[in-house]
PDB file of N, CA and C in Angstrom:
ATOM      1  N   MET A   1      18.866 201.659  34.081  1.00  0.00           N
ATOM      2  CA  MET A   1      18.984 201.135  32.741  1.00  0.00           C
ATOM      3  C   MET A   1      19.936 199.932  32.765  1.00  0.00           C
ATOM      4  N   LYS A   2      19.621 198.955  31.935  1.00  0.00           N
ATOM      5  CA  LYS A   2      20.391 197.717  31.903  1.00  0.00           C
ATOM      6  C   LYS A   2      21.046 197.542  30.539  1.00  0.00           C
ATOM      7  N   ARG A   3      21.984 196.593  30.502  1.00  0.00           N
ATOM      8  CA  ARG A   3      22.662 196.248  29.248  1.00  0.00           C
ATOM      9  C   ARG A   3      22.485 194.754  29.001  1.00  0.00           C
ATOM     10  N   TYR A   4      22.303 194.421  27.739  1.00  0.00           N
ATOM     11  CA  TYR A   4      22.070 193.042  27.327  1.00  0.00           C
ATOM     12  C   TYR A   4      23.039 192.666  26.212  1.00  0.00           C
ATOM     13  N   LEU A   5      23.448 191.402  26.199  1.00  0.00           N
ATOM     14  CA  LEU A   5      24.384 190.875  25.215  1.00  0.00           C
ATOM     15  C   LEU A   5      23.664 189.897  24.313  1.00  0.00           C
ATOM     16  N   CYS A   6      23.846 190.056  23.003  1.00  0.00           N
ATOM     17  CA  CYS A   6      23.324 189.065  22.061  1.00  0.00           C
ATOM     18  C   CYS A   6      24.249 187.860  22.158  1.00  0.00           C
ATOM     19  N   ASP A   7      23.717 186.716  22.588  1.00  0.00           N
ATOM     20  CA  ASP A   7      24.572 185.554  22.782  1.00  0.00           C
ATOM     21  C   ASP A   7      24.952 184.864  21.470  1.00  0.00           C
ATOM     22  N   VAL A   8      24.497 185.417  20.342  1.00  0.00           N
ATOM     23  CA  VAL A   8      24.875 184.890  19.043  1.00  0.00           C
ATOM     24  C   VAL A   8      26.075 185.651  18.469  1.00  0.00           C
ATOM     25  N   CYS A   9      26.000 186.997  18.477  1.00  0.00           N
ATOM     26  CA  CYS A   9      27.047 187.782  17.823  1.00  0.00           C
ATOM     27  C   CYS A   9      27.825 188.714  18.745  1.00  0.00           C
ATOM     28  N   GLY A  10      27.334 188.916  19.970  1.00  0.00           N
ATOM     29  CA  GLY A  10      28.054 189.767  20.908  1.00  0.00           C
ATOM     30  C   GLY A  10      27.638 191.225  20.924  1.00  0.00           C
ATOM     31  N   LEU A  11      26.639 191.604  20.134  1.00  0.00           N
ATOM     32  CA  LEU A  11      26.149 192.984  20.171  1.00  0.00           C
ATOM     33  C   LEU A  11      25.637 193.295  21.566  1.00  0.00           C
ATOM     34  N   ILE A  12      25.955 194.464  22.061  1.00  0.00           N
ATOM     35  CA  ILE A  12      25.446 194.894  23.359  1.00  0.00           C
ATOM     36  C   ILE A  12      24.331 195.910  23.140  1.00  0.00           C
ATOM     37  N   TYR A  13      23.157 195.610  23.722  1.00  0.00           N
ATOM     38  CA  TYR A  13      22.058 196.567  23.703  1.00  0.00           C
ATOM     39  C   TYR A  13      22.041 197.275  25.047  1.00  0.00           C
ATOM     40  N   ASP A  14      22.287 198.564  25.012  1.00  0.00           N
ATOM     41  CA  ASP A  14      22.291 199.405  26.210  1.00  0.00           C
ATOM     42  C   ASP A  14      20.987 200.198  26.203  1.00  0.00           C
ATOM     43  N   GLU A  15      20.133 199.947  27.195  1.00  0.00           N
ATOM     44  CA  GLU A  15      18.847 200.625  27.240  1.00  0.00           C
ATOM     45  C   GLU A  15      18.997 202.142  27.282  1.00  0.00           C
ATOM     46  N   ALA A  16      20.033 202.636  27.928  1.00  0.00           N
ATOM     47  CA  ALA A  16      20.242 204.083  28.025  1.00  0.00           C
ATOM     48  C   ALA A  16      20.536 204.701  26.663  1.00  0.00           C
ATOM     49  N   GLU A  17      21.200 203.947  25.786  1.00  0.00           N
ATOM     50  CA  GLU A  17      21.579 204.465  24.465  1.00  0.00           C
ATOM     51  C   GLU A  17      20.557 204.147  23.384  1.00  0.00           C
ATOM     52  N   GLY A  18      19.840 203.020  23.532  1.00  0.00           N
ATOM     53  CA  GLY A  18      18.929 202.582  22.487  1.00  0.00           C
ATOM     54  C   GLY A  18      19.705 202.250  21.219  1.00  0.00           C
ATOM     55  N   ILE A  19      18.997 202.161  20.122  1.00  0.00           N
ATOM     56  CA  ILE A  19      19.622 201.989  18.805  1.00  0.00           C
ATOM     57  C   ILE A  19      18.862 202.909  17.851  1.00  0.00           C
ATOM     58  N   PRO A  20      19.186 204.205  17.885  1.00  0.00           N
ATOM     59  CA  PRO A  20      18.431 205.170  17.077  1.00  0.00           C
ATOM     60  C   PRO A  20      18.355 204.819  15.588  1.00  0.00           C
ATOM     61  N   ASP A  21      19.411 204.224  15.034  1.00  0.00           N
ATOM     62  CA  ASP A  21      19.393 203.853  13.618  1.00  0.00           C
ATOM     63  C   ASP A  21      18.348 202.786  13.310  1.00  0.00           C
ATOM     64  N   GLU A  22      17.941 202.055  14.334  1.00  0.00           N
ATOM     65  CA  GLU A  22      16.930 201.011  14.179  1.00  0.00           C
ATOM     66  C   GLU A  22      15.558 201.471  14.665  1.00  0.00           C
ATOM     67  N   GLY A  23      15.440 202.763  15.024  1.00  0.00           N
ATOM     68  CA  GLY A  23      14.171 203.308  15.492  1.00  0.00           C
ATOM     69  C   GLY A  23      13.895 203.051  16.964  1.00  0.00           C
ATOM     70  N   ILE A  24      14.939 202.671  17.717  1.00  0.00           N
ATOM     71  CA  ILE A  24      14.777 202.420  19.149  1.00  0.00           C
ATOM     72  C   ILE A  24      15.404 203.587  19.898  1.00  0.00           C
ATOM     73  N   ALA A  25      14.559 204.389  20.511  1.00  0.00           N
ATOM     74  CA  ALA A  25      15.004 205.618  21.168  1.00  0.00           C
ATOM     75  C   ALA A  25      15.804 205.319  22.435  1.00  0.00           C
ATOM     76  N   PRO A  26      16.738 206.216  22.785  1.00  0.00           N
ATOM     77  CA  PRO A  26      17.431 206.078  24.064  1.00  0.00           C
ATOM     78  C   PRO A  26      16.425 205.985  25.203  1.00  0.00           C
ATOM     79  N   GLY A  27      16.713 205.119  26.166  1.00  0.00           N
ATOM     80  CA  GLY A  27      15.829 204.937  27.304  1.00  0.00           C
ATOM     81  C   GLY A  27      14.791 203.849  27.104  1.00  0.00           C
ATOM     82  N   THR A  28      14.802 203.182  25.947  1.00  0.00           N
ATOM     83  CA  THR A  28      13.830 202.122  25.686  1.00  0.00           C
ATOM     84  C   THR A  28      14.266 200.828  26.366  1.00  0.00           C
ATOM     85  N   LEU A  29      13.403 200.322  27.238  1.00  0.00           N
ATOM     86  CA  LEU A  29      13.688 199.059  27.914  1.00  0.00           C
ATOM     87  C   LEU A  29      13.590 197.915  26.918  1.00  0.00           C
ATOM     88  N   LEU A  30      14.409 196.891  27.116  1.00  0.00           N
ATOM     89  CA  LEU A  30      14.357 195.728  26.223  1.00  0.00           C
ATOM     90  C   LEU A  30      12.955 195.136  26.197  1.00  0.00           C
ATOM     91  N   GLU A  31      12.304 195.096  27.346  1.00  0.00           N
ATOM     92  CA  GLU A  31      10.958 194.520  27.415  1.00  0.00           C
ATOM     93  C   GLU A  31       9.933 195.327  26.621  1.00  0.00           C
ATOM     94  N   ASP A  32      10.239 196.595  26.312  1.00  0.00           N
ATOM     95  CA  ASP A  32       9.320 197.439  25.552  1.00  0.00           C
ATOM     96  C   ASP A  32       9.552 197.375  24.043  1.00  0.00           C
ATOM     97  N   ILE A  33      10.603 196.682  23.626  1.00  0.00           N
ATOM     98  CA  ILE A  33      10.866 196.498  22.197  1.00  0.00           C
ATOM     99  C   ILE A  33       9.930 195.391  21.707  1.00  0.00           C
ATOM    100  N   PRO A  34       9.315 195.553  20.533  1.00  0.00           N
ATOM    101  CA  PRO A  34       8.392 194.525  20.036  1.00  0.00           C
ATOM    102  C   PRO A  34       9.060 193.140  19.970  1.00  0.00           C
ATOM    103  N   ASP A  35       8.270 192.099  20.234  1.00  0.00           N
ATOM    104  CA  ASP A  35       8.802 190.738  20.267  1.00  0.00           C
ATOM    105  C   ASP A  35       9.333 190.255  18.922  1.00  0.00           C
ATOM    106  N   ASP A  36       8.894 190.869  17.836  1.00  0.00           N
ATOM    107  CA  ASP A  36       9.380 190.445  16.518  1.00  0.00           C
ATOM    108  C   ASP A  36      10.670 191.158  16.088  1.00  0.00           C
ATOM    109  N   TRP A  37      11.208 192.009  16.960  1.00  0.00           N
ATOM    110  CA  TRP A  37      12.472 192.695  16.682  1.00  0.00           C
ATOM    111  C   TRP A  37      13.604 191.673  16.638  1.00  0.00           C
ATOM    112  N   VAL A  38      14.581 191.911  15.776  1.00  0.00           N
ATOM    113  CA  VAL A  38      15.750 191.034  15.692  1.00  0.00           C
ATOM    114  C   VAL A  38      17.022 191.858  15.807  1.00  0.00           C
ATOM    115  N   CYS A  39      18.098 191.215  16.215  1.00  0.00           N
ATOM    116  CA  CYS A  39      19.396 191.869  16.336  1.00  0.00           C
ATOM    117  C   CYS A  39      19.785 192.472  14.992  1.00  0.00           C
ATOM    118  N   PRO A  40      20.150 193.741  14.969  1.00  0.00           N
ATOM    119  CA  PRO A  40      20.503 194.377  13.696  1.00  0.00           C
ATOM    120  C   PRO A  40      21.808 193.853  13.103  1.00  0.00           C
ATOM    121  N   ASP A  41      22.639 193.196  13.898  1.00  0.00           N
ATOM    122  CA  ASP A  41      23.903 192.666  13.385  1.00  0.00           C
ATOM    123  C   ASP A  41      23.804 191.244  12.841  1.00  0.00           C
ATOM    124  N   CYS A  42      23.016 190.382  13.521  1.00  0.00           N
ATOM    125  CA  CYS A  42      23.011 188.969  13.111  1.00  0.00           C
ATOM    126  C   CYS A  42      21.626 188.392  12.840  1.00  0.00           C
ATOM    127  N   GLY A  43      20.576 189.114  13.190  1.00  0.00           N
ATOM    128  CA  GLY A  43      19.222 188.633  12.943  1.00  0.00           C
ATOM    129  C   GLY A  43      18.669 187.713  14.022  1.00  0.00           C
ATOM    130  N   ALA A  44      19.388 187.559  15.142  1.00  0.00           N
ATOM    131  CA  ALA A  44      18.889 186.727  16.238  1.00  0.00           C
ATOM    132  C   ALA A  44      17.640 187.367  16.840  1.00  0.00           C
ATOM    133  N   THR A  45      16.790 186.537  17.399  1.00  0.00           N
ATOM    134  CA  THR A  45      15.572 187.051  18.016  1.00  0.00           C
ATOM    135  C   THR A  45      15.886 187.755  19.335  1.00  0.00           C
ATOM    136  N   LYS A  46      14.936 188.507  19.804  1.00  0.00           N
ATOM    137  CA  LYS A  46      15.087 189.252  21.058  1.00  0.00           C
ATOM    138  C   LYS A  46      15.413 188.336  22.230  1.00  0.00           C
ATOM    139  N   SER A  47      14.952 187.099  22.185  1.00  0.00           N
ATOM    140  CA  SER A  47      15.203 186.154  23.275  1.00  0.00           C
ATOM    141  C   SER A  47      16.679 185.760  23.386  1.00  0.00           C
ATOM    142  N   ALA A  48      17.488 186.079  22.386  1.00  0.00           N
ATOM    143  CA  ALA A  48      18.919 185.757  22.411  1.00  0.00           C
ATOM    144  C   ALA A  48      19.700 186.748  23.270  1.00  0.00           C
ATOM    145  N   PHE A  49      19.050 187.831  23.714  1.00  0.00           N
ATOM    146  CA  PHE A  49      19.739 188.847  24.506  1.00  0.00           C
ATOM    147  C   PHE A  49      19.687 188.489  25.987  1.00  0.00           C
ATOM    148  N   ILE A  50      20.871 188.435  26.596  1.00  0.00           N
ATOM    149  CA  ILE A  50      20.976 188.083  28.012  1.00  0.00           C
ATOM    150  C   ILE A  50      21.488 189.271  28.804  1.00  0.00           C
ATOM    151  N   LEU A  51      20.980 189.426  30.008  1.00  0.00           N
ATOM    152  CA  LEU A  51      21.362 190.527  30.900  1.00  0.00           C
ATOM    153  C   LEU A  51      22.840 190.395  31.279  1.00  0.00           C
ATOM    154  N   ILE A  52      23.588 191.497  31.130  1.00  0.00           N
ATOM    155  CA  ILE A  52      25.005 191.454  31.528  1.00  0.00           C
ATOM    156  C   ILE A  52      25.329 192.344  32.701  1.00  0.00           C
ATOM    157  N   ASP A  53      24.478 193.273  33.074  1.00  0.00           N
ATOM    158  CA  ASP A  53      24.715 194.073  34.293  1.00  0.00           C
ATOM    159  C   ASP A  53      23.475 194.770  34.755  1.00  0.00           C
TER     160      ASP A  53
END
């Protein structure tokens, strides 16, 4: 599992944790999230997330 950083607001998306409040189950890979998904904190597009580890 990988972690990604929103380069707009700094939110970290951890694939192992998901974002259950947003309907993204733990274990969901970033590539499996729909392309129209946006950062729940700032509204940035999925392409704003960069791999951090």
